[in-house]
N, C-alpha and C. Protein backbone atom coordinates (compact mmCIF):
# COMPACT_ATOMS: atom_id res chain seq x y z
N MET A 1 212.99 54.21 114.43
CA MET A 1 213.61 54.60 112.82
C MET A 1 212.87 55.62 112.08
N PRO A 2 213.68 56.46 111.44
CA PRO A 2 212.79 57.37 110.43
C PRO A 2 212.29 56.60 109.09
N ARG A 3 211.23 56.88 108.63
CA ARG A 3 210.77 56.62 107.91
C ARG A 3 209.86 58.02 106.64
N ASP A 4 209.32 57.75 105.90
CA ASP A 4 208.79 58.75 105.00
C ASP A 4 207.25 58.16 105.21
N ILE A 5 206.66 59.57 104.49
CA ILE A 5 205.16 59.07 104.20
C ILE A 5 204.55 57.86 103.55
N PHE A 6 205.09 57.19 102.94
CA PHE A 6 205.26 55.99 102.15
C PHE A 6 205.48 54.69 103.25
N GLY A 7 206.32 55.07 104.40
CA GLY A 7 206.53 53.87 104.97
C GLY A 7 207.82 53.28 104.49
N ASN A 8 208.62 54.01 103.28
CA ASN A 8 209.66 53.45 103.23
C ASN A 8 211.16 53.88 104.32
N VAL A 9 211.90 53.04 104.75
CA VAL A 9 212.64 53.47 105.35
C VAL A 9 214.13 54.53 104.91
N MET A 10 214.01 55.92 105.57
CA MET A 10 215.04 56.97 104.90
C MET A 10 216.21 56.92 105.63
N GLU A 11 217.24 57.29 104.41
CA GLU A 11 218.70 56.57 104.81
C GLU A 11 219.45 58.10 105.59
N THR A 12 218.79 58.70 105.93
CA THR A 12 219.00 59.93 106.67
C THR A 12 218.46 60.39 107.79
N ASP A 13 218.88 60.73 108.97
CA ASP A 13 218.16 61.31 110.18
C ASP A 13 217.66 63.02 110.04
N ILE A 14 216.84 63.21 110.69
CA ILE A 14 216.19 64.04 110.93
C ILE A 14 217.16 65.64 110.57
N PHE A 15 218.58 65.36 110.67
CA PHE A 15 219.75 66.18 110.88
C PHE A 15 220.03 66.18 109.47
N GLY A 16 219.72 65.29 108.45
CA GLY A 16 220.18 65.28 107.22
C GLY A 16 221.81 64.07 107.40
N ARG A 17 221.98 63.61 108.17
CA ARG A 17 223.39 62.98 108.40
C ARG A 17 222.87 61.34 107.87
N LYS A 18 223.85 60.68 107.46
CA LYS A 18 223.78 59.45 106.33
C LYS A 18 223.65 58.31 107.59
N ILE A 19 222.46 57.35 107.38
CA ILE A 19 222.84 56.28 108.73
C ILE A 19 222.79 55.00 107.66
N SER A 20 224.12 54.58 108.62
CA SER A 20 224.54 53.34 107.25
C SER A 20 223.44 52.32 107.28
N LYS A 21 223.94 51.80 106.47
CA LYS A 21 223.12 50.44 105.82
C LYS A 21 223.46 49.28 107.17
N LYS A 22 224.34 48.65 107.52
CA LYS A 22 224.30 48.54 108.80
C LYS A 22 223.68 48.02 109.80
N GLN A 23 223.32 49.83 110.18
CA GLN A 23 222.44 50.63 111.30
C GLN A 23 221.11 50.30 110.76
N ILE A 24 220.63 50.72 109.39
CA ILE A 24 218.97 50.47 108.92
C ILE A 24 218.89 48.94 108.85
N LYS A 25 219.64 48.09 108.45
CA LYS A 25 219.01 46.68 108.93
C LYS A 25 218.98 45.90 110.25
N ARG A 26 219.95 46.86 110.95
CA ARG A 26 219.83 46.26 112.46
C ARG A 26 218.40 46.92 113.42
N GLU A 27 218.34 47.98 112.72
CA GLU A 27 217.27 48.31 113.28
C GLU A 27 215.53 47.53 112.56
N VAL A 28 215.43 47.45 111.13
CA VAL A 28 214.55 46.50 110.63
C VAL A 28 214.21 45.11 111.32
N LEU A 29 215.64 44.46 111.79
CA LEU A 29 215.31 43.45 111.85
C LEU A 29 214.36 43.39 113.72
N GLU A 30 215.04 44.43 114.39
CA GLU A 30 214.52 44.85 115.77
C GLU A 30 213.33 44.74 115.26
N GLU A 31 212.81 46.23 114.64
CA GLU A 31 211.14 46.44 114.66
C GLU A 31 210.46 45.30 114.24
N ASN A 32 211.12 44.32 113.36
CA ASN A 32 210.59 42.58 112.43
C ASN A 32 210.40 41.99 113.99
N ARG A 33 210.98 41.65 114.67
CA ARG A 33 211.17 40.95 116.36
C ARG A 33 210.08 41.80 116.87
N ARG A 34 209.59 42.98 117.14
CA ARG A 34 209.05 43.53 117.94
C ARG A 34 207.54 42.98 117.50
N LYS A 35 207.39 42.78 116.18
CA LYS A 35 206.53 42.74 115.16
C LYS A 35 205.77 41.62 115.58
N GLY A 36 206.74 40.41 115.30
CA GLY A 36 206.83 39.07 115.79
C GLY A 36 205.77 38.73 117.11
N LYS A 37 206.53 39.60 118.19
CA LYS A 37 206.44 39.28 119.15
C LYS A 37 204.72 39.78 119.53
N ALA A 38 204.91 41.28 119.29
CA ALA A 38 203.08 41.55 119.34
C ALA A 38 202.08 40.16 119.02
N ALA A 39 202.48 40.01 117.72
CA ALA A 39 201.43 39.34 116.47
C ALA A 39 201.34 37.74 117.57
N GLU A 40 202.18 37.32 118.53
CA GLU A 40 202.23 36.01 119.21
C GLU A 40 201.57 36.34 120.12
N ASP A 41 201.92 37.39 120.68
CA ASP A 41 201.07 37.78 122.06
C ASP A 41 199.19 38.10 121.68
N GLN A 42 198.88 38.85 120.74
CA GLN A 42 197.82 38.73 120.34
C GLN A 42 196.69 37.51 119.83
N TYR A 43 197.96 36.85 119.19
CA TYR A 43 197.31 35.48 119.27
C TYR A 43 196.92 34.28 120.26
N ARG A 44 197.65 34.93 121.59
CA ARG A 44 197.39 33.79 122.36
C ARG A 44 196.96 34.43 123.69
N MET A 45 196.18 36.03 123.33
CA MET A 45 194.97 36.56 123.90
C MET A 45 193.56 36.18 123.36
N SER A 46 193.75 36.23 121.57
CA SER A 46 192.61 35.42 121.19
C SER A 46 192.25 34.29 121.15
N ALA A 47 193.04 33.30 121.80
CA ALA A 47 192.63 31.51 121.90
C ALA A 47 192.67 31.81 123.18
N ALA A 48 192.57 32.28 124.61
CA ALA A 48 192.76 32.72 125.77
C ALA A 48 190.93 32.83 125.90
N PHE A 49 190.59 34.02 124.90
CA PHE A 49 189.36 34.42 124.43
C PHE A 49 188.50 33.35 124.04
N ARG A 50 188.78 32.38 122.85
CA ARG A 50 188.26 30.95 122.27
C ARG A 50 187.89 29.76 123.49
N GLY A 51 189.02 30.01 124.51
CA GLY A 51 188.65 28.69 125.46
C GLY A 51 189.36 27.47 125.22
N VAL A 52 190.73 27.93 124.28
CA VAL A 52 191.49 26.66 123.88
C VAL A 52 192.82 27.20 124.59
N GLU A 53 193.72 26.00 124.89
CA GLU A 53 194.81 25.94 125.44
C GLU A 53 195.76 25.99 124.74
N VAL A 54 196.49 26.76 124.85
CA VAL A 54 198.06 26.93 124.55
C VAL A 54 199.08 27.11 124.30
N GLU A 55 200.35 26.81 124.29
CA GLU A 55 201.28 26.28 124.65
C GLU A 55 202.46 26.53 123.66
N ARG A 56 203.83 26.55 123.97
CA ARG A 56 204.79 27.29 122.94
C ARG A 56 204.96 25.59 122.47
N SER A 57 205.74 25.53 121.66
CA SER A 57 206.40 24.14 121.03
C SER A 57 207.84 24.75 120.71
N PRO A 58 208.48 23.36 121.28
CA PRO A 58 209.62 23.46 121.07
C PRO A 58 210.35 23.39 119.76
N LYS A 59 209.85 22.91 118.30
CA LYS A 59 210.78 22.91 116.99
C LYS A 59 209.67 23.46 116.28
N GLY A 60 209.62 23.61 114.89
CA GLY A 60 208.78 23.49 114.12
C GLY A 60 207.33 24.92 113.48
N HIS A 61 207.23 24.91 114.67
CA HIS A 61 206.09 25.60 114.68
C HIS A 61 205.80 26.66 116.10
N ASP A 62 205.06 27.79 116.09
CA ASP A 62 205.14 28.67 117.01
C ASP A 62 204.19 27.89 118.50
N PHE A 63 203.18 27.49 118.47
CA PHE A 63 202.56 27.08 119.24
C PHE A 63 201.80 25.76 118.97
N ILE A 64 201.38 25.04 120.34
CA ILE A 64 200.38 23.87 119.88
C ILE A 64 199.07 24.15 120.53
N GLU A 65 198.05 23.93 119.77
CA GLU A 65 196.79 24.25 120.72
C GLU A 65 196.04 23.11 121.07
N ARG A 66 195.48 23.14 122.31
CA ARG A 66 194.77 22.23 122.11
C ARG A 66 192.99 22.60 123.10
N GLU A 67 192.47 21.74 122.28
CA GLU A 67 190.71 22.11 122.71
C GLU A 67 190.36 20.82 123.38
N ARG A 68 189.75 21.09 124.53
CA ARG A 68 189.12 20.00 125.33
C ARG A 68 188.15 20.22 125.54
N ASP A 69 187.16 18.57 126.04
CA ASP A 69 186.04 18.90 125.93
C ASP A 69 185.47 19.48 127.44
N LEU A 70 184.45 20.04 127.64
CA LEU A 70 184.15 20.79 129.07
C LEU A 70 183.89 19.97 130.23
N TRP A 71 182.96 18.83 129.58
CA TRP A 71 182.91 17.84 130.71
C TRP A 71 183.58 16.89 130.89
N THR A 72 184.64 16.57 129.87
CA THR A 72 185.02 15.35 130.48
C THR A 72 187.10 15.78 130.88
N GLY A 73 187.22 16.68 130.04
CA GLY A 73 188.33 17.38 130.01
C GLY A 73 189.56 16.72 129.59
N LYS A 74 188.94 15.80 128.38
CA LYS A 74 189.84 15.26 127.18
C LYS A 74 190.07 16.20 126.09
N VAL A 75 191.04 15.73 125.86
CA VAL A 75 191.45 17.03 124.40
C VAL A 75 191.14 16.09 123.02
N LYS A 76 190.03 17.22 122.68
CA LYS A 76 188.86 16.99 121.60
C LYS A 76 189.98 16.87 120.03
N ARG A 77 190.86 17.46 120.05
CA ARG A 77 191.62 18.19 118.87
C ARG A 77 193.10 19.18 119.48
N THR A 78 193.67 18.97 118.31
CA THR A 78 195.42 19.38 118.70
C THR A 78 195.66 19.81 117.16
N THR A 79 196.05 20.99 117.38
CA THR A 79 197.07 21.67 116.15
C THR A 79 198.12 22.50 116.13
N LYS A 80 198.51 22.45 115.75
CA LYS A 80 199.97 22.90 115.71
C LYS A 80 199.71 24.21 115.04
N VAL A 81 200.14 25.69 114.95
CA VAL A 81 199.87 26.63 115.15
C VAL A 81 201.25 27.58 114.47
N GLU A 82 200.92 28.27 113.73
CA GLU A 82 202.10 29.39 112.92
C GLU A 82 201.44 30.38 113.15
N VAL A 83 202.54 31.25 113.65
CA VAL A 83 201.42 32.80 113.52
C VAL A 83 203.09 33.77 112.64
N LYS A 84 202.26 34.39 111.49
CA LYS A 84 202.96 35.23 111.03
C LYS A 84 202.20 36.60 111.15
N SER A 85 203.41 37.63 111.16
CA SER A 85 203.06 39.12 111.57
C SER A 85 202.62 40.03 110.45
N SER A 86 202.16 39.26 109.29
CA SER A 86 201.86 40.04 108.08
C SER A 86 201.16 39.29 107.45
N SER A 87 200.24 40.26 106.51
CA SER A 87 199.85 38.79 105.21
C SER A 87 201.07 38.85 104.07
N THR A 88 202.22 38.75 103.96
CA THR A 88 203.08 38.60 103.49
C THR A 88 204.13 37.90 103.37
N ALA A 89 204.38 37.50 104.89
CA ALA A 89 205.28 37.12 105.25
C ALA A 89 205.39 35.36 104.85
N PRO A 90 206.42 34.89 104.17
CA PRO A 90 206.34 33.76 103.70
C PRO A 90 206.53 32.98 104.62
N LEU A 91 206.30 31.31 104.75
CA LEU A 91 206.48 30.24 104.90
C LEU A 91 208.38 29.74 104.28
N SER A 92 208.69 29.26 105.91
CA SER A 92 209.81 28.39 105.50
C SER A 92 209.78 27.45 104.79
N GLU A 93 210.76 26.98 104.46
CA GLU A 93 210.65 24.94 103.77
C GLU A 93 210.11 24.01 105.19
N LEU A 94 210.41 24.05 105.54
CA LEU A 94 210.07 23.39 106.97
C LEU A 94 208.76 23.29 107.21
N GLN A 95 208.04 25.04 107.37
CA GLN A 95 206.75 25.38 107.60
C GLN A 95 205.59 24.32 106.16
N LYS A 96 206.05 25.00 105.17
CA LYS A 96 205.86 24.17 104.28
C LYS A 96 205.19 22.76 103.99
N LYS A 97 206.68 22.14 104.27
CA LYS A 97 206.54 20.61 104.13
C LYS A 97 205.17 19.84 105.47
N THR A 98 205.43 20.73 106.83
CA THR A 98 204.85 20.04 107.59
C THR A 98 203.10 20.70 107.65
N LYS A 99 202.55 21.90 106.78
CA LYS A 99 201.38 22.38 106.63
C LYS A 99 201.11 21.54 105.54
N LYS A 100 201.70 20.55 104.80
CA LYS A 100 201.48 19.37 104.00
C LYS A 100 200.92 17.98 104.21
N LYS A 101 201.05 18.35 105.46
CA LYS A 101 201.08 16.60 106.10
C LYS A 101 199.41 16.82 107.21
N GLY A 102 199.36 18.03 107.49
CA GLY A 102 198.07 18.37 108.14
C GLY A 102 198.00 18.87 109.45
N ASN A 103 197.18 19.40 109.99
CA ASN A 103 196.71 19.46 111.40
C ASN A 103 197.67 20.75 111.57
N TYR A 104 198.19 21.79 110.80
CA TYR A 104 198.68 22.83 110.83
C TYR A 104 197.95 23.76 110.27
N LYS A 105 197.61 24.87 111.51
CA LYS A 105 197.41 26.11 110.54
C LYS A 105 198.43 27.09 111.04
N VAL A 106 198.32 28.26 109.63
CA VAL A 106 199.10 29.27 109.93
C VAL A 106 197.90 30.61 109.99
N GLU A 107 198.24 31.34 111.07
CA GLU A 107 197.79 32.45 111.65
C GLU A 107 198.21 33.81 111.18
N ARG A 108 197.69 34.49 110.64
CA ARG A 108 198.24 35.85 110.02
C ARG A 108 197.64 36.83 110.62
N ILE A 109 198.45 37.97 111.62
CA ILE A 109 198.00 39.02 112.06
C ILE A 109 198.96 40.29 111.65
N ASN A 110 197.81 41.17 112.31
CA ASN A 110 198.67 42.43 111.92
C ASN A 110 198.41 43.32 113.32
N PRO A 111 199.32 42.70 113.77
CA PRO A 111 199.51 43.88 115.59
C PRO A 111 199.08 45.32 115.19
N LEU A 112 198.07 45.55 116.49
CA LEU A 112 197.84 46.95 116.34
C LEU A 112 199.05 47.78 117.07
N PHE A 113 199.89 47.22 117.75
CA PHE A 113 200.92 47.78 118.96
C PHE A 113 202.03 47.02 118.70
N TYR A 114 203.11 47.74 118.47
CA TYR A 114 204.36 46.79 118.36
C TYR A 114 205.57 47.79 118.61
């Protein structure tokens, strides 16, 4: 996707041909998907380094994080984790509601490669 030096999406390609708004929207959504996937992968890696068990969640959040005791193997703490790929990405209404209940963490990660 062509961008100018300020990071804004350009509406023309390198030959000066106009790019349709539909195509621009499609490419921006694809870029957001790639960026979100990269942020989730980066979070999984950092959780593995911390020694925390992470699994995908069925609904409402991205991951369920379990911290286990080394000696007994019992679960010490379970936390629901939502991974956002930028510092400005807003939470949905369901995520805001779940966050108020507690035991919920929002991780904001800016992935290096996506």
